[in-house]
């Protein structure tokens, strides 16, 4: 199985980016071709022994999903499946693959299960080894060392079979930041693919808080509304968003954060969200059986 990798960077972590690329070069098995996308930033020299690295420099920051889509398109071809690789790794530019067998584990997992479309890696702090609860993509997240079938995945630590992109399309450009992974996962699940969380496939990444991004509260709220409007059957849209509205209030965000969240929630209803393709009720039941009914 041929693997490629997409790395998105703002150009402000050159040392971490080089360390990541070196960890990709050390992976067992066939070499992995890497595309590094400079999201509104010039890229440094990225020559790494044993690694083929292509670069794309975008004139402006187009957001995380659109930037990753540029990397996906770099692997397009006129061949049988539309891509010149069988699966793509998506890795954060300040992450690191600490184990040399991660790529081989991905190959084995995809080869063993033809319905497996997406693999979500475990993110662990390089110093403590701890995995943040928010990085375990399921409701029962107390044991990050337990692998399982899931309904979403982690954006900067995953592998996706390229056939998934060929069938359901890429990430939603308009989201810019937040929930773009769930949008893709729901479309993939609706098309019959499976998503796995694999605790044995590890990406080292420093522990961070999501609210470090200035646009966090607004984007999370707006994109939550867009996610529902795009993908859920009509009766579930108010139920899903009502639950998340109450959960947000229960978490008692700061007053500025709540104002930004409410502004984003309103924006999600008043602005175009892209094409609406609601999942089937069979997929709703499938998500429910996997432990995450699409009302939460």
C-alpha atoms as a PDB file:
ATOM      1  CA  UNK A   1       0.000   0.000   0.000  1.00  0.00           C
ATOM      2  CA  UNK A   2       1.400   3.352  -1.085  1.00  0.00           C
ATOM      3  CA  UNK A   3       1.346   6.130   1.523  1.00  0.00           C
ATOM      4  CA  UNK A   4       1.678   9.881   1.170  1.00  0.00           C
ATOM      5  CA  UNK A   5       1.607  12.572   3.845  1.00  0.00           C
ATOM      6  CA  UNK A   6       0.210  16.093   4.017  1.00  0.00           C
ATOM      7  CA  UNK A   7       1.675  18.612   6.440  1.00  0.00           C
ATOM      8  CA  UNK A   8       0.135  22.071   6.816  1.00  0.00           C
ATOM      9  CA  UNK A   9       2.251  24.852   8.300  1.00  0.00           C
ATOM     10  CA  UNK A  10       2.075  28.560   8.985  1.00  0.00           C
ATOM     11  CA  UNK A  11       5.865  28.705   8.687  1.00  0.00           C
ATOM     12  CA  UNK A  12       6.412  29.594  12.347  1.00  0.00           C
ATOM     13  CA  UNK A  13       7.725  26.207  13.540  1.00  0.00           C
ATOM     14  CA  UNK A  14      10.684  25.411  11.293  1.00  0.00           C
ATOM     15  CA  UNK A  15      12.557  23.283  13.845  1.00  0.00           C
ATOM     16  CA  UNK A  16       9.471  21.261  14.789  1.00  0.00           C
ATOM     17  CA  UNK A  17       8.585  20.819  11.121  1.00  0.00           C
ATOM     18  CA  UNK A  18      12.025  19.451  10.311  1.00  0.00           C
ATOM     19  CA  UNK A  19      11.849  17.058  13.276  1.00  0.00           C
ATOM     20  CA  UNK A  20       8.467  15.806  12.053  1.00  0.00           C
ATOM     21  CA  UNK A  21       9.784  15.213   8.539  1.00  0.00           C
ATOM     22  CA  UNK A  22      12.775  13.345   9.918  1.00  0.00           C
ATOM     23  CA  UNK A  23      10.406  11.093  11.896  1.00  0.00           C
ATOM     24  CA  UNK A  24       8.461  10.400   8.681  1.00  0.00           C
ATOM     25  CA  UNK A  25      11.723   9.511   6.898  1.00  0.00           C
ATOM     26  CA  UNK A  26      12.488   6.947   9.627  1.00  0.00           C
ATOM     27  CA  UNK A  27       9.233   5.010   9.118  1.00  0.00           C
ATOM     28  CA  UNK A  28       9.559   1.336   8.266  1.00  0.00           C
ATOM     29  CA  UNK A  29       8.512   0.088   4.849  1.00  0.00           C
ATOM     30  CA  UNK A  30       8.305   1.895   1.528  1.00  0.00           C
ATOM     31  CA  UNK A  31       9.299   5.590   1.568  1.00  0.00           C
ATOM     32  CA  UNK A  32       6.486   8.101   2.115  1.00  0.00           C
ATOM     33  CA  UNK A  33       6.190  11.062  -0.227  1.00  0.00           C
ATOM     34  CA  UNK A  34       5.355  14.271   1.648  1.00  0.00           C
ATOM     35  CA  UNK A  35       3.601  17.441   0.516  1.00  0.00           C
ATOM     36  CA  UNK A  36       4.136  20.446   2.800  1.00  0.00           C
ATOM     37  CA  UNK A  37       1.639  23.268   2.326  1.00  0.00           C
ATOM     38  CA  UNK A  38       2.711  26.736   3.451  1.00  0.00           C
ATOM     39  CA  UNK A  39      -0.590  28.293   4.518  1.00  0.00           C
ATOM     40  CA  UNK A  40       0.092  31.937   3.717  1.00  0.00           C
ATOM     41  CA  UNK A  41       3.764  31.611   4.626  1.00  0.00           C
ATOM     42  CA  UNK A  42       7.027  31.006   2.744  1.00  0.00           C
ATOM     43  CA  UNK A  43       8.649  27.658   3.414  1.00  0.00           C
ATOM     44  CA  UNK A  44      12.268  27.039   4.432  1.00  0.00           C
ATOM     45  CA  UNK A  45      14.560  24.527   2.749  1.00  0.00           C
ATOM     46  CA  UNK A  46      13.105  21.112   3.596  1.00  0.00           C
ATOM     47  CA  UNK A  47      15.646  18.644   2.225  1.00  0.00           C
ATOM     48  CA  UNK A  48      15.586  15.555   4.459  1.00  0.00           C
ATOM     49  CA  UNK A  49      17.759  12.519   3.660  1.00  0.00           C
ATOM     50  CA  UNK A  50      15.684   9.582   2.450  1.00  0.00           C
ATOM     51  CA  UNK A  51      12.511  11.646   2.019  1.00  0.00           C
ATOM     52  CA  UNK A  52      10.836  13.139  -1.044  1.00  0.00           C
ATOM     53  CA  UNK A  53       9.277  16.466  -0.073  1.00  0.00           C
ATOM     54  CA  UNK A  54       7.186  18.632  -2.365  1.00  0.00           C
ATOM     55  CA  UNK A  55       6.094  22.094  -1.295  1.00  0.00           C
ATOM     56  CA  UNK A  56       3.149  24.349  -2.085  1.00  0.00           C
ATOM     57  CA  UNK A  57       3.176  27.960  -0.919  1.00  0.00           C
ATOM     58  CA  UNK A  58      -0.221  29.673  -0.672  1.00  0.00           C
ATOM     59  CA  UNK A  59      -0.317  33.495  -0.871  1.00  0.00           C
ATOM     60  CA  UNK A  60      -2.671  33.746   2.120  1.00  0.00           C
ATOM     61  CA  UNK A  61      -3.986  31.696   5.013  1.00  0.00           C
ATOM     62  CA  UNK A  62      -6.976  29.822   3.572  1.00  0.00           C
ATOM     63  CA  UNK A  63      -7.748  27.908   6.765  1.00  0.00           C
ATOM     64  CA  UNK A  64      -6.987  24.387   7.907  1.00  0.00           C
ATOM     65  CA  UNK A  65      -9.425  22.359   5.766  1.00  0.00           C
ATOM     66  CA  UNK A  66      -8.771  24.315   2.568  1.00  0.00           C
ATOM     67  CA  UNK A  67      -5.017  24.103   3.156  1.00  0.00           C
ATOM     68  CA  UNK A  68      -5.173  20.352   3.675  1.00  0.00           C
ATOM     69  CA  UNK A  69      -7.319  20.038   0.568  1.00  0.00           C
ATOM     70  CA  UNK A  70      -4.505  21.678  -1.408  1.00  0.00           C
ATOM     71  CA  UNK A  71      -2.224  18.920  -0.114  1.00  0.00           C
ATOM     72  CA  UNK A  72      -4.768  16.266  -1.084  1.00  0.00           C
ATOM     73  CA  UNK A  73      -5.016  17.684  -4.602  1.00  0.00           C
ATOM     74  CA  UNK A  74      -1.221  17.513  -4.940  1.00  0.00           C
ATOM     75  CA  UNK A  75      -1.576  13.714  -4.926  1.00  0.00           C
ATOM     76  CA  UNK A  76      -4.259  13.661  -7.626  1.00  0.00           C
ATOM     77  CA  UNK A  77      -3.529  11.758 -10.812  1.00  0.00           C
ATOM     78  CA  UNK A  78      -5.399  10.462 -13.826  1.00  0.00           C
ATOM     79  CA  UNK A  79      -4.820   6.902 -12.679  1.00  0.00           C
ATOM     80  CA  UNK A  80      -7.269   4.186 -11.684  1.00  0.00           C
ATOM     81  CA  UNK A  81      -8.385   5.637  -8.352  1.00  0.00           C
ATOM     82  CA  UNK A  82      -7.698   9.295  -9.053  1.00  0.00           C
ATOM     83  CA  UNK A  83      -4.675   9.398  -6.721  1.00  0.00           C
ATOM     84  CA  UNK A  84      -1.098   8.183  -6.983  1.00  0.00           C
ATOM     85  CA  UNK A  85      -1.153   6.869  -3.384  1.00  0.00           C
ATOM     86  CA  UNK A  86      -3.579   4.568  -1.554  1.00  0.00           C
ATOM     87  CA  UNK A  87      -3.783   6.524   1.709  1.00  0.00           C
ATOM     88  CA  UNK A  88      -2.672   9.865   3.109  1.00  0.00           C
ATOM     89  CA  UNK A  89      -1.283  10.697   6.536  1.00  0.00           C
ATOM     90  CA  UNK A  90      -2.232  14.113   7.933  1.00  0.00           C
ATOM     91  CA  UNK A  91       0.267  15.328  10.513  1.00  0.00           C
ATOM     92  CA  UNK A  92       0.528  18.532  12.567  1.00  0.00           C
ATOM     93  CA  UNK A  93       3.684  20.490  11.829  1.00  0.00           C
ATOM     94  CA  UNK A  94       4.624  20.516  15.537  1.00  0.00           C
ATOM     95  CA  UNK A  95       3.925  16.822  15.953  1.00  0.00           C
ATOM     96  CA  UNK A  96       6.338  13.886  15.806  1.00  0.00           C
ATOM     97  CA  UNK A  97       6.007  10.178  15.052  1.00  0.00           C
ATOM     98  CA  UNK A  98       7.952   8.591  17.927  1.00  0.00           C
ATOM     99  CA  UNK A  99       7.671   5.014  16.636  1.00  0.00           C
ATOM    100  CA  UNK A 100       9.067   3.786  13.324  1.00  0.00           C
ATOM    101  CA  UNK A 101       6.249   1.269  12.747  1.00  0.00           C
ATOM    102  CA  UNK A 102       3.297   3.704  12.542  1.00  0.00           C
ATOM    103  CA  UNK A 103       3.173   3.746   8.735  1.00  0.00           C
ATOM    104  CA  UNK A 104       3.389  -0.061   8.602  1.00  0.00           C
ATOM    105  CA  UNK A 105       0.549  -0.340  11.129  1.00  0.00           C
ATOM    106  CA  UNK A 106      -1.541   1.906   8.874  1.00  0.00           C
ATOM    107  CA  UNK A 107      -0.792  -0.241   5.838  1.00  0.00           C
ATOM    108  CA  UNK A 108      -1.696  -3.402   7.736  1.00  0.00           C
ATOM    109  CA  UNK A 109      -4.926  -1.928   9.096  1.00  0.00           C
ATOM    110  CA  UNK A 110      -6.168  -0.754   5.706  1.00  0.00           C
ATOM    111  CA  UNK A 111      -5.155  -4.008   4.029  1.00  0.00           C
ATOM    112  CA  UNK A 112      -6.914  -6.115   6.675  1.00  0.00           C
ATOM    113  CA  UNK A 113     -10.254  -4.246   6.495  1.00  0.00           C
ATOM    114  CA  UNK A 114     -11.500  -3.035   3.129  1.00  0.00           C
ATOM    115  CA  UNK A 115     -14.281  -1.033   4.821  1.00  0.00           C
ATOM    116  CA  UNK A 116     -11.858   0.933   6.999  1.00  0.00           C
ATOM    117  CA  UNK A 117     -11.648   4.448   5.582  1.00  0.00           C
ATOM    118  CA  UNK A 118     -10.105   6.603   8.329  1.00  0.00           C
ATOM    119  CA  UNK A 119      -7.695   5.940  11.196  1.00  0.00           C
ATOM    120  CA  UNK A 120      -7.364   8.395  14.070  1.00  0.00           C
ATOM    121  CA  UNK A 121      -4.039   8.297  15.919  1.00  0.00           C
ATOM    122  CA  UNK A 122      -3.517   8.783  19.641  1.00  0.00           C
ATOM    123  CA  UNK A 123      -1.993  12.163  20.490  1.00  0.00           C
ATOM    124  CA  UNK A 124       0.344  12.058  23.486  1.00  0.00           C
ATOM    125  CA  UNK A 125       2.404  14.732  25.192  1.00  0.00           C
ATOM    126  CA  UNK A 126       6.109  14.008  24.494  1.00  0.00           C
ATOM    127  CA  UNK A 127       7.148  14.761  28.091  1.00  0.00           C
ATOM    128  CA  UNK A 128       4.359  13.204  30.158  1.00  0.00           C
ATOM    129  CA  UNK A 129       2.915  10.672  27.728  1.00  0.00           C
ATOM    130  CA  UNK A 130      -0.560  11.911  28.685  1.00  0.00           C
ATOM    131  CA  UNK A 131      -3.403  12.088  26.172  1.00  0.00           C
ATOM    132  CA  UNK A 132      -5.897  14.899  26.643  1.00  0.00           C
ATOM    133  CA  UNK A 133      -9.499  13.778  26.985  1.00  0.00           C
ATOM    134  CA  UNK A 134     -10.529  15.956  24.033  1.00  0.00           C
ATOM    135  CA  UNK A 135      -8.080  14.008  21.837  1.00  0.00           C
ATOM    136  CA  UNK A 136      -9.971  10.732  22.299  1.00  0.00           C
ATOM    137  CA  UNK A 137     -12.716  10.927  19.640  1.00  0.00           C
ATOM    138  CA  UNK A 138     -15.536   9.241  21.580  1.00  0.00           C
ATOM    139  CA  UNK A 139     -17.789  10.022  24.528  1.00  0.00           C
ATOM    140  CA  UNK A 140     -16.206   7.375  26.790  1.00  0.00           C
ATOM    141  CA  UNK A 141     -12.755   8.907  26.720  1.00  0.00           C
ATOM    142  CA  UNK A 142     -11.415   7.987  30.166  1.00  0.00           C
ATOM    143  CA  UNK A 143      -9.124   5.274  28.778  1.00  0.00           C
ATOM    144  CA  UNK A 144      -7.087   6.676  25.860  1.00  0.00           C
ATOM    145  CA  UNK A 145      -5.177   3.387  25.562  1.00  0.00           C
ATOM    146  CA  UNK A 146      -8.292   1.542  24.382  1.00  0.00           C
ATOM    147  CA  UNK A 147      -8.725   1.368  20.606  1.00  0.00           C
ATOM    148  CA  UNK A 148     -12.256   1.363  19.201  1.00  0.00           C
ATOM    149  CA  UNK A 149     -14.563   2.172  16.332  1.00  0.00           C
ATOM    150  CA  UNK A 150     -15.472   5.873  16.452  1.00  0.00           C
ATOM    151  CA  UNK A 151     -17.523   8.470  14.582  1.00  0.00           C
ATOM    152  CA  UNK A 152     -14.934  11.223  14.110  1.00  0.00           C
ATOM    153  CA  UNK A 153     -11.154  11.664  14.112  1.00  0.00           C
ATOM    154  CA  UNK A 154      -8.284  14.026  14.951  1.00  0.00           C
ATOM    155  CA  UNK A 155      -7.341  16.453  12.184  1.00  0.00           C
ATOM    156  CA  UNK A 156      -3.571  16.562  12.584  1.00  0.00           C
ATOM    157  CA  UNK A 157      -2.978  12.916  13.472  1.00  0.00           C
ATOM    158  CA  UNK A 158      -4.732  10.549  11.117  1.00  0.00           C
ATOM    159  CA  UNK A 159      -4.647   8.475   7.948  1.00  0.00           C
ATOM    160  CA  UNK A 160      -7.364   8.485   5.288  1.00  0.00           C
ATOM    161  CA  UNK A 161      -7.795   6.069   2.409  1.00  0.00           C
ATOM    162  CA  UNK A 162      -7.752   8.154  -0.790  1.00  0.00           C
ATOM    163  CA  UNK A 163     -10.785   6.264  -2.090  1.00  0.00           C
ATOM    164  CA  UNK A 164     -12.762   8.081   0.624  1.00  0.00           C
ATOM    165  CA  UNK A 165     -11.875  11.443  -0.925  1.00  0.00           C
ATOM    166  CA  UNK A 166     -12.700  10.104  -4.372  1.00  0.00           C
ATOM    167  CA  UNK A 167     -16.166   9.045  -3.173  1.00  0.00           C
ATOM    168  CA  UNK A 168     -17.271  11.775  -0.736  1.00  0.00           C
ATOM    169  CA  UNK A 169     -14.979  14.717  -1.477  1.00  0.00           C
ATOM    170  CA  UNK A 170     -12.464  16.508   0.705  1.00  0.00           C
ATOM    171  CA  UNK A 171     -12.706  18.617   3.816  1.00  0.00           C
ATOM    172  CA  UNK A 172     -15.169  21.551   3.805  1.00  0.00           C
ATOM    173  CA  UNK A 173     -13.140  24.606   2.748  1.00  0.00           C
ATOM    174  CA  UNK A 174     -15.618  27.075   4.206  1.00  0.00           C
ATOM    175  CA  UNK A 175     -15.189  25.803   7.783  1.00  0.00           C
ATOM    176  CA  UNK A 176     -11.691  27.408   8.031  1.00  0.00           C
ATOM    177  CA  UNK A 177     -11.128  25.866  11.489  1.00  0.00           C
ATOM    178  CA  UNK A 178     -13.093  23.443  13.742  1.00  0.00           C
ATOM    179  CA  UNK A 179     -15.362  20.446  13.085  1.00  0.00           C
ATOM    180  CA  UNK A 180     -14.137  19.847   9.536  1.00  0.00           C
ATOM    181  CA  UNK A 181     -13.031  16.334  10.541  1.00  0.00           C
ATOM    182  CA  UNK A 182     -16.496  15.396  11.817  1.00  0.00           C
ATOM    183  CA  UNK A 183     -18.057  16.679   8.590  1.00  0.00           C
ATOM    184  CA  UNK A 184     -15.806  14.373   6.554  1.00  0.00           C
ATOM    185  CA  UNK A 185     -16.270  11.455   8.977  1.00  0.00           C
ATOM    186  CA  UNK A 186     -20.066  11.688   8.820  1.00  0.00           C
ATOM    187  CA  UNK A 187     -20.004  11.746   5.015  1.00  0.00           C
ATOM    188  CA  UNK A 188     -17.640   8.776   4.978  1.00  0.00           C
ATOM    189  CA  UNK A 189     -19.780   6.811   7.426  1.00  0.00           C
ATOM    190  CA  UNK A 190     -22.857   7.598   5.356  1.00  0.00           C
ATOM    191  CA  UNK A 191     -21.039   6.137   2.335  1.00  0.00           C
ATOM    192  CA  UNK A 192     -20.364   2.887   4.214  1.00  0.00           C
ATOM    193  CA  UNK A 193     -16.808   3.500   5.462  1.00  0.00           C
ATOM    194  CA  UNK A 194     -15.572   2.836   9.001  1.00  0.00           C
ATOM    195  CA  UNK A 195     -13.473   5.034  11.308  1.00  0.00           C
ATOM    196  CA  UNK A 196     -11.073   3.584  13.890  1.00  0.00           C
ATOM    197  CA  UNK A 197      -9.265   5.155  16.828  1.00  0.00           C
ATOM    198  CA  UNK A 198      -5.945   3.355  17.261  1.00  0.00           C
ATOM    199  CA  UNK A 199      -4.165   3.840  20.561  1.00  0.00           C
ATOM    200  CA  UNK A 200      -1.041   2.096  19.251  1.00  0.00           C
ATOM    201  CA  UNK A 201      -0.511   4.661  16.483  1.00  0.00           C
ATOM    202  CA  UNK A 202       0.968   7.637  18.309  1.00  0.00           C
ATOM    203  CA  UNK A 203       1.742  11.231  17.408  1.00  0.00           C
ATOM    204  CA  UNK A 204       3.698  13.214  19.977  1.00  0.00           C
ATOM    205  CA  UNK A 205       2.306  16.726  20.354  1.00  0.00           C
ATOM    206  CA  UNK A 206       2.691  19.246  23.206  1.00  0.00           C
ATOM    207  CA  UNK A 207      -0.355  19.606  25.445  1.00  0.00           C
ATOM    208  CA  UNK A 208      -2.323  22.681  24.388  1.00  0.00           C
ATOM    209  CA  UNK A 209      -5.667  24.367  25.038  1.00  0.00           C
ATOM    210  CA  UNK A 210      -8.018  24.704  22.048  1.00  0.00           C
ATOM    211  CA  UNK A 211      -9.048  28.210  23.068  1.00  0.00           C
ATOM    212  CA  UNK A 212      -5.513  29.431  22.319  1.00  0.00           C
ATOM    213  CA  UNK A 213      -6.834  30.284  18.848  1.00  0.00           C
ATOM    214  CA  UNK A 214      -8.418  33.753  18.813  1.00  0.00           C
ATOM    215  CA  UNK A 215     -11.250  32.541  16.591  1.00  0.00           C
ATOM    216  CA  UNK A 216     -11.962  29.421  18.662  1.00  0.00           C
ATOM    217  CA  UNK A 217     -15.335  30.270  20.242  1.00  0.00           C
ATOM    218  CA  UNK A 218     -16.824  31.836  17.112  1.00  0.00           C
ATOM    219  CA  UNK A 219     -15.658  29.109  14.733  1.00  0.00           C
ATOM    220  CA  UNK A 220     -16.689  26.256  17.015  1.00  0.00           C
ATOM    221  CA  UNK A 221     -20.226  27.636  17.286  1.00  0.00           C
ATOM    222  CA  UNK A 222     -20.661  28.636  13.653  1.00  0.00           C
ATOM    223  CA  UNK A 223     -19.276  25.373  12.306  1.00  0.00           C
ATOM    224  CA  UNK A 224     -21.355  23.296  14.731  1.00  0.00           C
ATOM    225  CA  UNK A 225     -24.470  24.844  13.153  1.00  0.00           C
ATOM    226  CA  UNK A 226     -23.078  24.325   9.645  1.00  0.00           C
ATOM    227  CA  UNK A 227     -22.225  20.701  10.472  1.00  0.00           C
ATOM    228  CA  UNK A 228     -25.811  20.008  11.477  1.00  0.00           C
ATOM    229  CA  UNK A 229     -27.371  21.917   8.588  1.00  0.00           C
ATOM    230  CA  UNK A 230     -25.183  20.098   6.049  1.00  0.00           C
ATOM    231  CA  UNK A 231     -25.409  16.546   7.350  1.00  0.00           C
ATOM    232  CA  UNK A 232     -28.308  15.770   9.683  1.00  0.00           C
ATOM    233  CA  UNK A 233     -31.886  14.799   8.850  1.00  0.00           C
ATOM    234  CA  UNK A 234     -34.124  17.825   9.450  1.00  0.00           C
ATOM    235  CA  UNK A 235     -35.721  16.587  12.722  1.00  0.00           C
ATOM    236  CA  UNK A 236     -32.290  16.097  14.315  1.00  0.00           C
ATOM    237  CA  UNK A 237     -30.910  19.561  13.514  1.00  0.00           C
ATOM    238  CA  UNK A 238     -32.695  21.413  16.369  1.00  0.00           C
ATOM    239  CA  UNK A 239     -32.120  18.499  18.762  1.00  0.00           C
ATOM    240  CA  UNK A 240     -28.379  18.376  18.070  1.00  0.00           C
ATOM    241  CA  UNK A 241     -27.908  22.135  18.290  1.00  0.00           C
ATOM    242  CA  UNK A 242     -30.163  22.468  21.326  1.00  0.00           C
ATOM    243  CA  UNK A 243     -28.076  19.925  23.244  1.00  0.00           C
ATOM    244  CA  UNK A 244     -24.855  21.727  22.337  1.00  0.00           C
ATOM    245  CA  UNK A 245     -26.329  25.103  23.271  1.00  0.00           C
ATOM    246  CA  UNK A 246     -27.169  23.809  26.750  1.00  0.00           C
ATOM    247  CA  UNK A 247     -23.786  22.075  27.122  1.00  0.00           C
ATOM    248  CA  UNK A 248     -21.985  25.291  26.245  1.00  0.00           C
ATOM    249  CA  UNK A 249     -23.916  27.223  28.898  1.00  0.00           C
ATOM    250  CA  UNK A 250     -23.266  24.473  31.451  1.00  0.00           C
ATOM    251  CA  UNK A 251     -19.510  24.780  30.856  1.00  0.00           C
ATOM    252  CA  UNK A 252     -19.706  28.445  31.937  1.00  0.00           C
ATOM    253  CA  UNK A 253     -17.373  30.060  29.406  1.00  0.00           C
ATOM    254  CA  UNK A 254     -15.998  33.529  30.055  1.00  0.00           C
ATOM    255  CA  UNK A 255     -18.274  36.419  29.124  1.00  0.00           C
ATOM    256  CA  UNK A 256     -16.158  37.390  26.068  1.00  0.00           C
ATOM    257  CA  UNK A 257     -16.022  33.744  25.035  1.00  0.00           C
ATOM    258  CA  UNK A 258     -19.782  33.345  25.407  1.00  0.00           C
ATOM    259  CA  UNK A 259     -20.410  36.480  23.350  1.00  0.00           C
ATOM    260  CA  UNK A 260     -18.141  35.168  20.585  1.00  0.00           C
ATOM    261  CA  UNK A 261     -19.871  31.781  20.770  1.00  0.00           C
ATOM    262  CA  UNK A 262     -23.346  33.305  20.517  1.00  0.00           C
ATOM    263  CA  UNK A 263     -22.191  35.440  17.595  1.00  0.00           C
ATOM    264  CA  UNK A 264     -20.872  32.359  15.825  1.00  0.00           C
ATOM    265  CA  UNK A 265     -24.065  30.421  16.580  1.00  0.00           C
ATOM    266  CA  UNK A 266     -26.109  33.190  14.963  1.00  0.00           C
ATOM    267  CA  UNK A 267     -23.708  33.359  12.023  1.00  0.00           C
ATOM    268  CA  UNK A 268     -24.119  29.624  11.460  1.00  0.00           C
ATOM    269  CA  UNK A 269     -27.837  30.104  10.839  1.00  0.00           C
ATOM    270  CA  UNK A 270     -27.569  33.259   8.730  1.00  0.00           C
ATOM    271  CA  UNK A 271     -24.749  32.329   6.325  1.00  0.00           C
ATOM    272  CA  UNK A 272     -24.421  29.681   3.587  1.00  0.00           C
ATOM    273  CA  UNK A 273     -23.026  26.376   4.865  1.00  0.00           C
ATOM    274  CA  UNK A 274     -22.296  24.652   1.558  1.00  0.00           C
ATOM    275  CA  UNK A 275     -24.249  21.765   0.013  1.00  0.00           C
ATOM    276  CA  UNK A 276     -26.767  19.949   2.187  1.00  0.00           C
ATOM    277  CA  UNK A 277     -26.558  16.160   1.933  1.00  0.00           C
ATOM    278  CA  UNK A 278     -28.350  14.717   4.978  1.00  0.00           C
ATOM    279  CA  UNK A 279     -27.260  11.301   6.153  1.00  0.00           C
ATOM    280  CA  UNK A 280     -29.710   8.421   6.016  1.00  0.00           C
ATOM    281  CA  UNK A 281     -31.564   7.206   9.084  1.00  0.00           C
ATOM    282  CA  UNK A 282     -29.589   3.977   8.755  1.00  0.00           C
ATOM    283  CA  UNK A 283     -26.424   6.033   9.301  1.00  0.00           C
ATOM    284  CA  UNK A 284     -28.043   7.745  12.305  1.00  0.00           C
ATOM    285  CA  UNK A 285     -28.667   4.302  13.788  1.00  0.00           C
ATOM    286  CA  UNK A 286     -25.119   3.257  12.920  1.00  0.00           C
ATOM    287  CA  UNK A 287     -23.700   6.283  14.789  1.00  0.00           C
ATOM    288  CA  UNK A 288     -25.953   5.479  17.732  1.00  0.00           C
ATOM    289  CA  UNK A 289     -24.717   1.869  17.854  1.00  0.00           C
ATOM    290  CA  UNK A 290     -21.135   3.174  17.796  1.00  0.00           C
ATOM    291  CA  UNK A 291     -21.884   5.106  20.983  1.00  0.00           C
ATOM    292  CA  UNK A 292     -22.422   8.605  19.645  1.00  0.00           C
ATOM    293  CA  UNK A 293     -25.945   9.351  18.404  1.00  0.00           C
ATOM    294  CA  UNK A 294     -25.859  12.545  16.324  1.00  0.00           C
ATOM    295  CA  UNK A 295     -27.597  14.685  18.905  1.00  0.00           C
ATOM    296  CA  UNK A 296     -24.388  15.143  20.904  1.00  0.00           C
END
